Amino acid sequence: MTKLKIVGIMISLFACTGAIAQSASRTVNVNATVTSACRFKTSGPVALTATYPAFSEDAVERTQNLDVECTRGSSTNPTFAFTEGPVGTVGGLTFVMSTSYAAGDAGTPPAGSSATDLGTPRTGVVTVKASFPANQAGTTGTNTAVPRTLTISF
């Protein structure tokens, strides 16, 4: 009689276990709001150093290309401006700063096949130019660099 009761209790436990193991599903929507951003891919200061012959008949120009990365999806190119304005003086010479932008790859979204597939950003190159107009006397010797802050707007 005792063996029957134990077997009956075990059968009851197995029957209950099947009733507890149920499942349900729910859709989870994942969304993100991405703010537009651009950044200079290259870091550190840019040095536009010119050797200007006093009273030069020709303007002297120095340029530097900077790689830029931006979020995908925007149809407008970033714009660039110097916080201090485009005109300055160094070594008794007037200079004028300017920029030009060349859009590169539009970027690719992630394929979603792995957590390391991040896609690629929209790219471009901004050319920064310092122009020293002709016929300036200047001040002899090496002069202290004049910093300019280049800002990206997008």
C-alpha atoms as a PDB file:
ATOM      1  CA  MET A   1       0.000   0.000   0.000  1.00  0.00           C
ATOM      2  CA  THR A   2       2.848   2.374   0.821  1.00  0.00           C
ATOM      3  CA  LYS A   3       4.461   1.827  -2.583  1.00  0.00           C
ATOM      4  CA  LEU A   4       1.250   2.752  -4.365  1.00  0.00           C
ATOM      5  CA  LYS A   5       0.927   6.044  -2.482  1.00  0.00           C
ATOM      6  CA  ILE A   6       4.506   7.086  -3.376  1.00  0.00           C
ATOM      7  CA  VAL A   7       4.002   6.200  -7.046  1.00  0.00           C
ATOM      8  CA  GLY A   8       0.694   8.095  -7.020  1.00  0.00           C
ATOM      9  CA  ILE A   9       2.360  11.205  -5.560  1.00  0.00           C
ATOM     10  CA  MET A  10       5.175  11.059  -8.152  1.00  0.00           C
ATOM     11  CA  ILE A  11       2.666  10.720 -11.000  1.00  0.00           C
ATOM     12  CA  SER A  12       0.798  13.752  -9.639  1.00  0.00           C
ATOM     13  CA  LEU A  13       4.033  15.825  -9.565  1.00  0.00           C
ATOM     14  CA  PHE A  14       4.868  14.983 -13.179  1.00  0.00           C
ATOM     15  CA  ALA A  15       1.357  15.878 -14.246  1.00  0.00           C
ATOM     16  CA  CYS A  16       1.636  19.298 -12.548  1.00  0.00           C
ATOM     17  CA  THR A  17       5.006  20.059 -14.116  1.00  0.00           C
ATOM     18  CA  GLY A  18       3.548  19.879 -17.609  1.00  0.00           C
ATOM     19  CA  ALA A  19       0.795  22.285 -16.674  1.00  0.00           C
ATOM     20  CA  ILE A  20       3.255  24.919 -15.359  1.00  0.00           C
ATOM     21  CA  ALA A  21       5.516  25.014 -18.425  1.00  0.00           C
ATOM     22  CA  GLN A  22       3.570  27.437 -20.609  1.00  0.00           C
ATOM     23  CA  SER A  23       4.868  30.128 -22.944  1.00  0.00           C
ATOM     24  CA  ALA A  24       3.668  33.464 -24.190  1.00  0.00           C
ATOM     25  CA  SER A  25       5.135  35.889 -26.701  1.00  0.00           C
ATOM     26  CA  ARG A  26       5.142  39.651 -26.974  1.00  0.00           C
ATOM     27  CA  THR A  27       6.438  41.920 -29.731  1.00  0.00           C
ATOM     28  CA  VAL A  28       9.154  44.327 -28.592  1.00  0.00           C
ATOM     29  CA  ASN A  29       9.748  47.299 -30.908  1.00  0.00           C
ATOM     30  CA  VAL A  30      13.217  48.842 -30.760  1.00  0.00           C
ATOM     31  CA  ASN A  31      13.565  52.425 -31.959  1.00  0.00           C
ATOM     32  CA  ALA A  32      16.248  55.118 -31.765  1.00  0.00           C
ATOM     33  CA  THR A  33      16.319  58.838 -32.380  1.00  0.00           C
ATOM     34  CA  VAL A  34      19.731  59.777 -33.705  1.00  0.00           C
ATOM     35  CA  THR A  35      20.943  63.349 -33.489  1.00  0.00           C
ATOM     36  CA  SER A  36      22.978  64.594 -36.429  1.00  0.00           C
ATOM     37  CA  ALA A  37      26.684  64.850 -35.810  1.00  0.00           C
ATOM     38  CA  CYS A  38      29.919  65.488 -37.662  1.00  0.00           C
ATOM     39  CA  ARG A  39      33.463  65.184 -36.425  1.00  0.00           C
ATOM     40  CA  PHE A  40      37.000  65.624 -37.643  1.00  0.00           C
ATOM     41  CA  LYS A  41      38.443  62.162 -38.140  1.00  0.00           C
ATOM     42  CA  THR A  42      41.969  63.470 -37.664  1.00  0.00           C
ATOM     43  CA  SER A  43      42.779  64.964 -34.283  1.00  0.00           C
ATOM     44  CA  GLY A  44      45.254  67.527 -33.070  1.00  0.00           C
ATOM     45  CA  PRO A  45      46.142  70.966 -34.319  1.00  0.00           C
ATOM     46  CA  VAL A  46      46.730  71.787 -37.972  1.00  0.00           C
ATOM     47  CA  ALA A  47      49.847  73.780 -38.841  1.00  0.00           C
ATOM     48  CA  LEU A  48      49.701  76.003 -41.907  1.00  0.00           C
ATOM     49  CA  THR A  49      53.231  77.403 -41.919  1.00  0.00           C
ATOM     50  CA  ALA A  50      54.228  79.702 -44.762  1.00  0.00           C
ATOM     51  CA  THR A  51      57.564  81.161 -45.791  1.00  0.00           C
ATOM     52  CA  TYR A  52      56.710  84.560 -47.198  1.00  0.00           C
ATOM     53  CA  PRO A  53      59.332  86.504 -49.153  1.00  0.00           C
ATOM     54  CA  ALA A  54      58.911  90.179 -48.232  1.00  0.00           C
ATOM     55  CA  PHE A  55      57.071  92.127 -50.947  1.00  0.00           C
ATOM     56  CA  SER A  56      56.212  88.915 -52.779  1.00  0.00           C
ATOM     57  CA  GLU A  57      54.604  89.614 -56.137  1.00  0.00           C
ATOM     58  CA  ASP A  58      52.443  86.513 -55.724  1.00  0.00           C
ATOM     59  CA  ALA A  59      50.157  85.437 -52.949  1.00  0.00           C
ATOM     60  CA  VAL A  60      51.475  82.619 -50.772  1.00  0.00           C
ATOM     61  CA  GLU A  61      49.010  79.870 -49.841  1.00  0.00           C
ATOM     62  CA  ARG A  62      49.169  76.880 -47.549  1.00  0.00           C
ATOM     63  CA  THR A  63      46.517  74.147 -47.408  1.00  0.00           C
ATOM     64  CA  GLN A  64      45.729  71.098 -45.303  1.00  0.00           C
ATOM     65  CA  ASN A  65      43.088  68.429 -45.924  1.00  0.00           C
ATOM     66  CA  LEU A  66      41.050  67.167 -42.966  1.00  0.00           C
ATOM     67  CA  ASP A  67      38.873  64.051 -43.066  1.00  0.00           C
ATOM     68  CA  VAL A  68      35.318  64.522 -41.785  1.00  0.00           C
ATOM     69  CA  GLU A  69      32.747  61.904 -40.718  1.00  0.00           C
ATOM     70  CA  CYS A  70      29.011  62.611 -40.364  1.00  0.00           C
ATOM     71  CA  THR A  71      25.844  60.721 -39.598  1.00  0.00           C
ATOM     72  CA  ARG A  72      24.082  59.206 -42.599  1.00  0.00           C
ATOM     73  CA  GLY A  73      20.750  60.363 -43.949  1.00  0.00           C
ATOM     74  CA  SER A  74      21.252  64.103 -44.372  1.00  0.00           C
ATOM     75  CA  SER A  75      21.161  65.464 -47.897  1.00  0.00           C
ATOM     76  CA  THR A  76      23.020  68.663 -47.004  1.00  0.00           C
ATOM     77  CA  ASN A  77      26.769  68.949 -46.622  1.00  0.00           C
ATOM     78  CA  PRO A  78      28.282  70.368 -43.458  1.00  0.00           C
ATOM     79  CA  THR A  79      29.514  73.952 -43.512  1.00  0.00           C
ATOM     80  CA  PHE A  80      32.682  75.297 -41.928  1.00  0.00           C
ATOM     81  CA  ALA A  81      33.554  78.630 -40.332  1.00  0.00           C
ATOM     82  CA  PHE A  82      36.363  80.120 -38.298  1.00  0.00           C
ATOM     83  CA  THR A  83      35.162  81.335 -34.896  1.00  0.00           C
ATOM     84  CA  GLU A  84      37.566  84.291 -34.980  1.00  0.00           C
ATOM     85  CA  GLY A  85      36.577  85.206 -38.539  1.00  0.00           C
ATOM     86  CA  PRO A  86      38.501  84.582 -41.744  1.00  0.00           C
ATOM     87  CA  VAL A  87      40.996  87.486 -41.591  1.00  0.00           C
ATOM     88  CA  GLY A  88      43.977  87.727 -39.236  1.00  0.00           C
ATOM     89  CA  THR A  89      47.576  88.835 -38.953  1.00  0.00           C
ATOM     90  CA  VAL A  90      50.771  87.012 -38.100  1.00  0.00           C
ATOM     91  CA  GLY A  91      54.319  88.285 -38.458  1.00  0.00           C
ATOM     92  CA  GLY A  92      53.067  91.600 -39.734  1.00  0.00           C
ATOM     93  CA  LEU A  93      51.282  89.829 -42.607  1.00  0.00           C
ATOM     94  CA  THR A  94      47.567  89.769 -43.264  1.00  0.00           C
ATOM     95  CA  PHE A  95      46.144  86.326 -44.016  1.00  0.00           C
ATOM     96  CA  VAL A  96      42.717  85.133 -45.112  1.00  0.00           C
ATOM     97  CA  MET A  97      41.365  81.708 -44.100  1.00  0.00           C
ATOM     98  CA  SER A  98      38.983  79.735 -46.312  1.00  0.00           C
ATOM     99  CA  THR A  99      37.590  76.225 -46.629  1.00  0.00           C
ATOM    100  CA  SER A 100      36.190  74.010 -49.350  1.00  0.00           C
ATOM    101  CA  TYR A 101      34.357  70.713 -48.856  1.00  0.00           C
ATOM    102  CA  ALA A 102      34.298  67.635 -51.062  1.00  0.00           C
ATOM    103  CA  ALA A 103      31.685  65.031 -50.200  1.00  0.00           C
ATOM    104  CA  GLY A 104      32.896  61.454 -50.170  1.00  0.00           C
ATOM    105  CA  ASP A 105      31.052  58.203 -49.535  1.00  0.00           C
ATOM    106  CA  ALA A 106      27.392  58.438 -48.470  1.00  0.00           C
ATOM    107  CA  GLY A 107      27.982  55.702 -45.906  1.00  0.00           C
ATOM    108  CA  THR A 108      26.307  52.349 -45.538  1.00  0.00           C
ATOM    109  CA  PRO A 109      23.863  51.281 -42.858  1.00  0.00           C
ATOM    110  CA  PRO A 110      24.604  48.169 -40.836  1.00  0.00           C
ATOM    111  CA  ALA A 111      23.329  44.952 -42.362  1.00  0.00           C
ATOM    112  CA  GLY A 112      22.146  43.854 -38.926  1.00  0.00           C
ATOM    113  CA  SER A 113      23.824  40.493 -39.171  1.00  0.00           C
ATOM    114  CA  SER A 114      26.122  40.940 -36.172  1.00  0.00           C
ATOM    115  CA  ALA A 115      26.720  43.233 -33.226  1.00  0.00           C
ATOM    116  CA  THR A 116      30.033  44.338 -34.747  1.00  0.00           C
ATOM    117  CA  ASP A 117      28.474  45.404 -38.070  1.00  0.00           C
ATOM    118  CA  LEU A 118      28.161  49.136 -37.422  1.00  0.00           C
ATOM    119  CA  GLY A 119      27.901  50.389 -40.979  1.00  0.00           C
ATOM    120  CA  THR A 120      29.991  53.308 -42.171  1.00  0.00           C
ATOM    121  CA  PRO A 121      29.605  57.075 -41.728  1.00  0.00           C
ATOM    122  CA  ARG A 122      29.090  59.655 -44.444  1.00  0.00           C
ATOM    123  CA  THR A 123      32.556  60.997 -45.262  1.00  0.00           C
ATOM    124  CA  GLY A 124      34.147  64.019 -46.835  1.00  0.00           C
ATOM    125  CA  VAL A 125      37.274  66.145 -46.921  1.00  0.00           C
ATOM    126  CA  VAL A 126      37.503  69.788 -45.928  1.00  0.00           C
ATOM    127  CA  THR A 127      40.450  71.708 -47.335  1.00  0.00           C
ATOM    128  CA  VAL A 128      41.626  74.490 -45.025  1.00  0.00           C
ATOM    129  CA  LYS A 129      43.577  77.268 -46.725  1.00  0.00           C
ATOM    130  CA  ALA A 130      45.563  80.236 -45.409  1.00  0.00           C
ATOM    131  CA  SER A 131      46.250  82.850 -48.092  1.00  0.00           C
ATOM    132  CA  PHE A 132      48.818  85.615 -47.616  1.00  0.00           C
ATOM    133  CA  PRO A 133      48.134  88.348 -50.206  1.00  0.00           C
ATOM    134  CA  ALA A 134      50.991  89.730 -52.340  1.00  0.00           C
ATOM    135  CA  ASN A 135      53.071  92.876 -51.709  1.00  0.00           C
ATOM    136  CA  GLN A 136      53.283  92.762 -47.895  1.00  0.00           C
ATOM    137  CA  ALA A 137      56.403  93.812 -45.993  1.00  0.00           C
ATOM    138  CA  GLY A 138      55.923  91.635 -42.884  1.00  0.00           C
ATOM    139  CA  THR A 139      58.120  91.481 -39.790  1.00  0.00           C
ATOM    140  CA  THR A 140      61.459  89.662 -40.041  1.00  0.00           C
ATOM    141  CA  GLY A 141      61.944  86.433 -38.085  1.00  0.00           C
ATOM    142  CA  THR A 142      59.846  83.573 -36.793  1.00  0.00           C
ATOM    143  CA  ASN A 143      56.560  84.627 -35.297  1.00  0.00           C
ATOM    144  CA  THR A 144      54.165  83.073 -32.794  1.00  0.00           C
ATOM    145  CA  ALA A 145      51.405  81.056 -34.426  1.00  0.00           C
ATOM    146  CA  VAL A 146      47.919  82.560 -34.404  1.00  0.00           C
ATOM    147  CA  PRO A 147      45.291  79.945 -33.493  1.00  0.00           C
ATOM    148  CA  ARG A 148      42.021  79.745 -35.373  1.00  0.00           C
ATOM    149  CA  THR A 149      39.077  77.533 -34.367  1.00  0.00           C
ATOM    150  CA  LEU A 150      37.353  75.724 -37.236  1.00  0.00           C
ATOM    151  CA  THR A 151      33.733  74.837 -36.478  1.00  0.00           C
ATOM    152  CA  ILE A 152      31.541  72.361 -38.348  1.00  0.00           C
ATOM    153  CA  SER A 153      27.826  73.148 -38.721  1.00  0.00           C
ATOM    154  CA  PHE A 154      25.394  70.557 -40.021  1.00  0.00           C
END
